[in-house]
Every structure is written in C-alpha cells, then in structure tokens.
C-alpha cells in the first residue's frame, strides 16, 4: 500500500467516515486530497484572494510601475509555493511538478490584481 493511499485511509477513519469540506481541508495541515481537481481549485481561489488583497494594498499605498508588479509576482508565487510544499506537503509530481502548481491560476490572478490595483489607485489618488 502506498503512503498516500495509507494517509487517505487513516484520514477517513479519523473523521469517523465523514467527508471533510474542501475549505476545511484547505486550512488543515497535511490534508488528504482524494481528487486532484479539488486541490487545484483551492490553489486557484487562494491566488484570487491574494490578488484582491494585494491589489487593494498597492492601490491604497500609492505603489507604481514595475516594482509593484514584481513584488506581486514574488509574493503570489512564494506564498502558494510555501502553502503546497510546506503546509500541505503534497507530492508535487502527482500534480505535474512544482512548476504546474506554481503557475496554476497565475494569469487570472494577475489580471484581477491589475484591475483592483488600478481601480483603488485611481479612486484614491486622482482628482
């Protein structure tokens, strides 16, 4: 029996046979993900949340230009990398490698970040 299937079985028994919700697993360290798409959805939506938060912060603090974009990219990729490699400790190869998890939903979060940043910056710093 492989270690991931053993972990799934142990988790199922610890929960009394009750299936955990996706978001409760997202905030539990070393959660067991039965479906690959479920974990990828969590990665995607966490990126969107980070994009909105950073977009608001960048708009309120009048950050401009390439520096703002570069810091967003580093924070977005870094936080999610730490999340899936250290907090969840998933086997990256199961999901296509580290690069696949790191870029999952990145472009949509980048677009959302830009929209939120521009809206807040324009609303607060232009007459």
N, C-alpha and C. Protein backbone atom coordinates (compact mmCIF):
# COMPACT_ATOMS: atom_id res chain seq x y z
N UNK A 1 0.85 -1.17 0.00
CA UNK A 1 0.00 0.00 0.00
C UNK A 1 0.90 1.24 0.00
N UNK A 2 0.63 2.19 -0.90
CA UNK A 2 1.45 3.39 -0.99
C UNK A 2 1.16 4.31 0.20
N UNK A 3 2.08 5.24 0.44
CA UNK A 3 1.93 6.13 1.60
C UNK A 3 0.75 7.08 1.43
N UNK A 4 0.47 7.53 0.19
CA UNK A 4 -0.66 8.44 0.00
C UNK A 4 -2.00 7.73 0.21
N UNK A 5 -2.12 6.49 -0.25
CA UNK A 5 -3.38 5.77 -0.02
C UNK A 5 -3.53 5.40 1.45
N UNK A 6 -2.42 5.16 2.13
CA UNK A 6 -2.46 4.87 3.56
C UNK A 6 -2.91 6.12 4.33
N UNK A 7 -2.40 7.27 3.92
CA UNK A 7 -2.80 8.54 4.54
C UNK A 7 -4.27 8.82 4.34
N UNK A 8 -4.78 8.51 3.14
CA UNK A 8 -6.21 8.70 2.84
C UNK A 8 -7.06 7.83 3.74
N UNK A 9 -6.66 6.59 3.90
CA UNK A 9 -7.42 5.64 4.72
C UNK A 9 -7.42 6.08 6.18
N UNK A 10 -6.25 6.50 6.69
CA UNK A 10 -6.15 6.95 8.08
C UNK A 10 -6.99 8.19 8.31
N UNK A 11 -6.97 9.13 7.36
CA UNK A 11 -7.75 10.35 7.49
C UNK A 11 -9.24 10.04 7.49
N UNK A 12 -9.66 9.12 6.64
CA UNK A 12 -11.06 8.74 6.57
C UNK A 12 -11.52 8.13 7.89
N UNK A 13 -10.68 7.32 8.51
CA UNK A 13 -11.03 6.70 9.79
C UNK A 13 -11.04 7.71 10.93
N UNK A 14 -10.11 8.66 10.90
CA UNK A 14 -10.07 9.67 11.95
C UNK A 14 -11.29 10.57 11.92
N UNK A 15 -11.84 10.81 10.76
CA UNK A 15 -13.03 11.65 10.62
C UNK A 15 -14.31 10.89 10.88
N UNK A 16 -14.22 9.66 11.27
CA UNK A 16 -15.42 8.86 11.51
C UNK A 16 -16.15 8.53 10.22
N UNK A 17 -15.43 8.51 9.12
CA UNK A 17 -16.03 8.20 7.84
C UNK A 17 -16.76 9.37 7.20
N UNK A 18 -16.70 10.56 7.83
CA UNK A 18 -17.37 11.75 7.31
C UNK A 18 -16.41 12.49 6.38
N UNK A 19 -16.91 12.89 5.23
CA UNK A 19 -16.08 13.61 4.26
C UNK A 19 -15.93 15.07 4.69
N UNK A 20 -14.69 15.57 4.71
CA UNK A 20 -14.42 16.96 5.05
C UNK A 20 -14.74 17.86 3.88
N UNK A 21 -15.13 19.10 4.15
CA UNK A 21 -15.36 20.06 3.07
C UNK A 21 -14.01 20.48 2.49
N UNK A 22 -14.06 21.00 1.30
CA UNK A 22 -12.83 21.41 0.62
C UNK A 22 -12.11 22.50 1.39
N UNK A 23 -12.85 23.49 1.90
CA UNK A 23 -12.21 24.60 2.59
C UNK A 23 -11.69 24.21 3.96
N UNK A 24 -12.33 23.24 4.62
CA UNK A 24 -11.76 22.79 5.90
C UNK A 24 -10.45 22.04 5.66
N UNK A 25 -10.37 21.30 4.55
CA UNK A 25 -9.10 20.65 4.20
C UNK A 25 -8.05 21.67 3.81
N UNK A 26 -8.47 22.76 3.17
CA UNK A 26 -7.52 23.77 2.72
C UNK A 26 -6.78 24.41 3.88
N UNK A 27 -7.43 24.51 5.02
CA UNK A 27 -6.80 25.17 6.17
C UNK A 27 -6.28 24.19 7.21
N UNK A 28 -6.30 22.90 6.90
CA UNK A 28 -5.71 21.88 7.77
C UNK A 28 -4.39 21.43 7.17
N UNK A 29 -3.36 21.42 7.98
CA UNK A 29 -2.05 21.00 7.51
C UNK A 29 -2.07 19.53 7.11
N UNK A 30 -1.37 19.22 6.03
CA UNK A 30 -1.22 17.85 5.52
C UNK A 30 -2.56 17.16 5.27
N UNK A 31 -3.52 17.90 4.73
CA UNK A 31 -4.82 17.31 4.43
C UNK A 31 -4.68 16.30 3.30
N UNK A 32 -5.63 15.39 3.22
CA UNK A 32 -5.64 14.36 2.19
C UNK A 32 -6.61 14.80 1.10
N UNK A 33 -6.12 14.84 -0.13
CA UNK A 33 -6.93 15.28 -1.27
C UNK A 33 -7.27 14.07 -2.13
N UNK A 34 -8.53 13.66 -2.07
CA UNK A 34 -8.96 12.49 -2.86
C UNK A 34 -8.94 12.80 -4.35
N UNK A 35 -9.37 14.02 -4.69
CA UNK A 35 -9.43 14.41 -6.10
C UNK A 35 -8.37 15.46 -6.39
N UNK A 36 -7.70 15.28 -7.51
CA UNK A 36 -6.65 16.21 -7.93
C UNK A 36 -7.24 17.59 -8.19
N UNK A 37 -8.39 17.65 -8.85
CA UNK A 37 -9.00 18.93 -9.19
C UNK A 37 -9.42 19.73 -7.97
N UNK A 38 -9.75 19.05 -6.90
CA UNK A 38 -10.16 19.73 -5.67
C UNK A 38 -9.01 20.58 -5.12
N UNK A 39 -7.82 20.02 -5.08
CA UNK A 39 -6.66 20.77 -4.59
C UNK A 39 -6.29 21.90 -5.56
N UNK A 40 -6.39 21.65 -6.85
CA UNK A 40 -6.09 22.69 -7.83
C UNK A 40 -7.08 23.84 -7.73
N UNK A 41 -8.35 23.55 -7.41
CA UNK A 41 -9.34 24.61 -7.19
C UNK A 41 -8.98 25.46 -5.99
N UNK A 42 -8.49 24.83 -4.93
CA UNK A 42 -8.07 25.58 -3.74
C UNK A 42 -6.90 26.50 -4.09
N UNK A 43 -5.93 25.99 -4.83
CA UNK A 43 -4.79 26.81 -5.26
C UNK A 43 -5.29 28.00 -6.07
N UNK A 44 -6.20 27.74 -7.02
CA UNK A 44 -6.74 28.79 -7.89
C UNK A 44 -7.41 29.88 -7.06
N UNK A 45 -8.30 29.51 -6.15
CA UNK A 45 -9.06 30.51 -5.39
C UNK A 45 -8.21 31.22 -4.35
N UNK A 46 -7.22 30.56 -3.79
CA UNK A 46 -6.31 31.26 -2.88
C UNK A 46 -5.53 32.34 -3.63
N UNK A 47 -5.15 32.05 -4.86
CA UNK A 47 -4.48 33.06 -5.68
C UNK A 47 -5.37 34.27 -5.91
N UNK A 48 -6.66 34.04 -6.16
CA UNK A 48 -7.57 35.15 -6.41
C UNK A 48 -7.73 36.01 -5.16
N UNK A 49 -7.80 35.37 -4.00
CA UNK A 49 -7.91 36.11 -2.74
C UNK A 49 -6.66 36.95 -2.51
N UNK A 50 -5.49 36.36 -2.75
CA UNK A 50 -4.24 37.10 -2.61
C UNK A 50 -4.20 38.28 -3.57
N UNK A 51 -4.68 38.09 -4.79
CA UNK A 51 -4.68 39.16 -5.79
C UNK A 51 -5.54 40.34 -5.36
N UNK A 52 -6.71 40.08 -4.81
CA UNK A 52 -7.58 41.16 -4.37
C UNK A 52 -6.95 41.91 -3.19
N UNK A 53 -6.44 41.17 -2.22
CA UNK A 53 -5.83 41.80 -1.04
C UNK A 53 -4.63 42.67 -1.44
N UNK A 54 -3.74 42.12 -2.27
CA UNK A 54 -2.57 42.89 -2.67
C UNK A 54 -2.94 44.05 -3.59
N UNK A 55 -3.96 43.88 -4.43
CA UNK A 55 -4.41 44.98 -5.27
C UNK A 55 -4.93 46.15 -4.46
N UNK A 56 -5.67 45.86 -3.40
CA UNK A 56 -6.17 46.93 -2.52
C UNK A 56 -5.00 47.61 -1.81
N UNK A 57 -4.07 46.82 -1.28
CA UNK A 57 -2.92 47.40 -0.57
C UNK A 57 -2.08 48.26 -1.51
N UNK A 58 -1.81 47.77 -2.71
CA UNK A 58 -1.00 48.53 -3.67
C UNK A 58 -1.71 49.81 -4.10
N UNK A 59 -3.05 49.76 -4.19
CA UNK A 59 -3.80 50.95 -4.58
C UNK A 59 -3.85 51.99 -3.48
N UNK A 60 -3.98 51.56 -2.24
CA UNK A 60 -4.03 52.49 -1.10
C UNK A 60 -2.65 53.10 -0.86
N UNK A 61 -1.63 52.27 -0.81
CA UNK A 61 -0.25 52.77 -0.73
C UNK A 61 0.13 53.05 -2.17
N UNK A 62 0.34 54.27 -2.53
CA UNK A 62 0.48 54.60 -3.95
C UNK A 62 1.72 53.99 -4.60
N UNK A 63 1.68 52.68 -4.76
CA UNK A 63 2.77 51.95 -5.40
C UNK A 63 2.57 52.01 -6.90
N UNK A 64 3.65 52.23 -7.65
CA UNK A 64 3.54 52.36 -9.10
C UNK A 64 4.57 51.50 -9.82
N UNK A 65 4.24 51.20 -11.07
CA UNK A 65 5.21 50.65 -12.00
C UNK A 65 5.63 49.21 -11.80
N UNK A 66 6.81 48.94 -12.38
CA UNK A 66 7.35 47.59 -12.41
C UNK A 66 7.59 47.03 -11.01
N UNK A 67 7.97 47.88 -10.09
CA UNK A 67 8.23 47.42 -8.72
C UNK A 67 6.99 46.77 -8.11
N UNK A 68 5.83 47.39 -8.29
CA UNK A 68 4.59 46.82 -7.78
C UNK A 68 4.25 45.49 -8.41
N UNK A 69 4.45 45.39 -9.71
CA UNK A 69 4.17 44.14 -10.42
C UNK A 69 5.14 43.05 -9.98
N UNK A 70 6.42 43.38 -9.86
CA UNK A 70 7.42 42.39 -9.47
C UNK A 70 7.17 41.88 -8.05
N UNK A 71 6.85 42.79 -7.14
CA UNK A 71 6.59 42.37 -5.76
C UNK A 71 5.35 41.48 -5.70
N UNK A 72 4.32 41.82 -6.48
CA UNK A 72 3.12 40.97 -6.52
C UNK A 72 3.47 39.56 -7.00
N UNK A 73 4.24 39.46 -8.07
CA UNK A 73 4.59 38.14 -8.61
C UNK A 73 5.37 37.31 -7.60
N UNK A 74 6.32 37.93 -6.92
CA UNK A 74 7.12 37.20 -5.93
C UNK A 74 6.25 36.75 -4.76
N UNK A 75 5.41 37.64 -4.24
CA UNK A 75 4.56 37.28 -3.11
C UNK A 75 3.56 36.20 -3.50
N UNK A 76 2.91 36.37 -4.65
CA UNK A 76 1.89 35.42 -5.10
C UNK A 76 2.49 34.03 -5.29
N UNK A 77 3.58 33.95 -6.02
CA UNK A 77 4.21 32.65 -6.25
C UNK A 77 4.80 32.08 -4.97
N UNK A 78 5.42 32.94 -4.16
CA UNK A 78 6.07 32.48 -2.95
C UNK A 78 5.09 31.95 -1.91
N UNK A 79 4.01 32.67 -1.68
CA UNK A 79 3.02 32.23 -0.69
C UNK A 79 2.42 30.89 -1.09
N UNK A 80 2.06 30.75 -2.36
CA UNK A 80 1.46 29.49 -2.80
C UNK A 80 2.46 28.35 -2.79
N UNK A 81 3.72 28.64 -3.11
CA UNK A 81 4.74 27.59 -3.05
C UNK A 81 4.90 27.07 -1.61
N UNK A 82 5.00 27.99 -0.67
CA UNK A 82 5.12 27.60 0.74
C UNK A 82 3.87 26.84 1.17
N UNK A 83 2.70 27.27 0.69
CA UNK A 83 1.45 26.61 1.06
C UNK A 83 1.44 25.14 0.63
N UNK A 84 1.73 24.88 -0.65
CA UNK A 84 1.61 23.48 -1.10
C UNK A 84 2.82 22.62 -0.77
N UNK A 85 3.99 23.24 -0.59
CA UNK A 85 5.16 22.40 -0.30
C UNK A 85 5.38 22.19 1.20
N UNK A 86 5.14 23.21 2.01
CA UNK A 86 5.40 23.09 3.45
C UNK A 86 4.14 22.83 4.27
N UNK A 87 3.07 23.59 4.00
CA UNK A 87 1.86 23.46 4.81
C UNK A 87 1.08 22.20 4.45
N UNK A 88 0.77 22.02 3.16
CA UNK A 88 0.01 20.85 2.74
C UNK A 88 0.91 19.63 2.50
N UNK A 89 2.15 19.85 2.17
CA UNK A 89 3.12 18.79 1.89
C UNK A 89 2.60 17.76 0.89
N UNK A 90 2.06 18.26 -0.23
CA UNK A 90 1.58 17.36 -1.27
C UNK A 90 2.76 16.89 -2.11
N UNK A 91 2.57 15.79 -2.80
CA UNK A 91 3.57 15.28 -3.73
C UNK A 91 3.39 16.05 -5.03
N UNK A 92 4.32 16.97 -5.31
CA UNK A 92 4.20 17.83 -6.49
C UNK A 92 4.11 17.04 -7.78
N UNK A 93 4.78 15.90 -7.84
CA UNK A 93 4.80 15.09 -9.06
C UNK A 93 3.40 14.54 -9.38
N UNK A 94 2.58 14.38 -8.36
CA UNK A 94 1.21 13.92 -8.56
C UNK A 94 0.40 14.95 -9.36
N UNK A 95 0.80 16.22 -9.29
CA UNK A 95 0.09 17.32 -9.94
C UNK A 95 0.84 17.88 -11.14
N UNK A 96 1.84 17.18 -11.61
CA UNK A 96 2.57 17.62 -12.79
C UNK A 96 3.85 18.38 -12.49
N UNK A 97 4.27 18.40 -11.25
CA UNK A 97 5.51 19.07 -10.88
C UNK A 97 5.27 20.40 -10.19
N UNK A 98 6.33 20.92 -9.63
CA UNK A 98 6.27 22.17 -8.89
C UNK A 98 5.83 23.33 -9.78
N UNK A 99 6.35 23.36 -11.01
CA UNK A 99 6.02 24.46 -11.92
C UNK A 99 4.52 24.49 -12.23
N UNK A 100 3.89 23.35 -12.42
CA UNK A 100 2.45 23.31 -12.72
C UNK A 100 1.63 23.86 -11.57
N UNK A 101 2.00 23.53 -10.33
CA UNK A 101 1.28 24.06 -9.18
C UNK A 101 1.55 25.55 -8.99
N UNK A 102 2.79 25.97 -9.28
CA UNK A 102 3.14 27.37 -9.11
C UNK A 102 2.41 28.27 -10.10
N UNK A 103 2.18 27.78 -11.31
CA UNK A 103 1.52 28.63 -12.31
C UNK A 103 0.00 28.42 -12.39
N UNK A 104 -0.56 27.52 -11.61
CA UNK A 104 -2.00 27.27 -11.62
C UNK A 104 -2.77 28.53 -11.24
N UNK A 105 -3.52 29.09 -12.20
CA UNK A 105 -4.35 30.27 -11.96
C UNK A 105 -3.59 31.57 -11.83
N UNK A 106 -2.31 31.57 -12.20
CA UNK A 106 -1.50 32.78 -12.00
C UNK A 106 -1.95 33.92 -12.90
N UNK A 107 -2.21 33.67 -14.16
CA UNK A 107 -2.56 34.76 -15.08
C UNK A 107 -3.89 35.41 -14.73
N UNK A 108 -4.88 34.61 -14.32
CA UNK A 108 -6.15 35.22 -13.94
C UNK A 108 -6.00 36.04 -12.66
N UNK A 109 -5.17 35.56 -11.72
CA UNK A 109 -4.95 36.35 -10.51
C UNK A 109 -4.17 37.63 -10.83
N UNK A 110 -3.26 37.55 -11.78
CA UNK A 110 -2.52 38.74 -12.19
C UNK A 110 -3.45 39.78 -12.80
N UNK A 111 -4.37 39.33 -13.66
CA UNK A 111 -5.34 40.26 -14.26
C UNK A 111 -6.25 40.87 -13.19
N UNK A 112 -6.71 40.06 -12.26
CA UNK A 112 -7.55 40.57 -11.18
C UNK A 112 -6.79 41.57 -10.32
N UNK A 113 -5.55 41.26 -10.02
CA UNK A 113 -4.70 42.17 -9.25
C UNK A 113 -4.58 43.52 -9.95
N UNK A 114 -4.31 43.51 -11.25
CA UNK A 114 -4.17 44.76 -12.00
C UNK A 114 -5.44 45.58 -11.97
N UNK A 115 -6.59 44.94 -12.16
CA UNK A 115 -7.87 45.65 -12.16
C UNK A 115 -8.12 46.30 -10.79
N UNK A 116 -7.94 45.54 -9.72
CA UNK A 116 -8.18 46.06 -8.38
C UNK A 116 -7.19 47.17 -8.05
N UNK A 117 -5.93 46.98 -8.39
CA UNK A 117 -4.90 47.98 -8.14
C UNK A 117 -5.23 49.29 -8.86
N UNK A 118 -5.58 49.19 -10.14
CA UNK A 118 -5.89 50.38 -10.93
C UNK A 118 -7.13 51.10 -10.38
N UNK A 119 -8.16 50.35 -10.04
CA UNK A 119 -9.39 50.97 -9.52
C UNK A 119 -9.11 51.71 -8.21
N UNK A 120 -8.43 51.07 -7.27
CA UNK A 120 -8.16 51.73 -5.99
C UNK A 120 -7.19 52.88 -6.13
N UNK A 121 -6.16 52.71 -6.94
CA UNK A 121 -5.19 53.79 -7.13
C UNK A 121 -5.86 55.01 -7.76
N UNK A 122 -6.66 54.78 -8.79
CA UNK A 122 -7.35 55.86 -9.48
C UNK A 122 -8.35 56.55 -8.55
N UNK A 123 -9.10 55.77 -7.79
CA UNK A 123 -10.12 56.34 -6.91
C UNK A 123 -9.52 57.17 -5.79
N UNK A 124 -8.37 56.79 -5.29
CA UNK A 124 -7.80 57.46 -4.12
C UNK A 124 -6.78 58.56 -4.46
N UNK A 125 -6.12 58.47 -5.61
CA UNK A 125 -5.00 59.38 -5.87
C UNK A 125 -5.19 60.29 -7.07
N UNK A 126 -6.37 60.32 -7.67
CA UNK A 126 -6.66 61.25 -8.76
C UNK A 126 -7.86 62.09 -8.38
N UNK A 127 -7.86 63.35 -8.83
CA UNK A 127 -8.99 64.24 -8.51
C UNK A 127 -10.12 64.06 -9.46
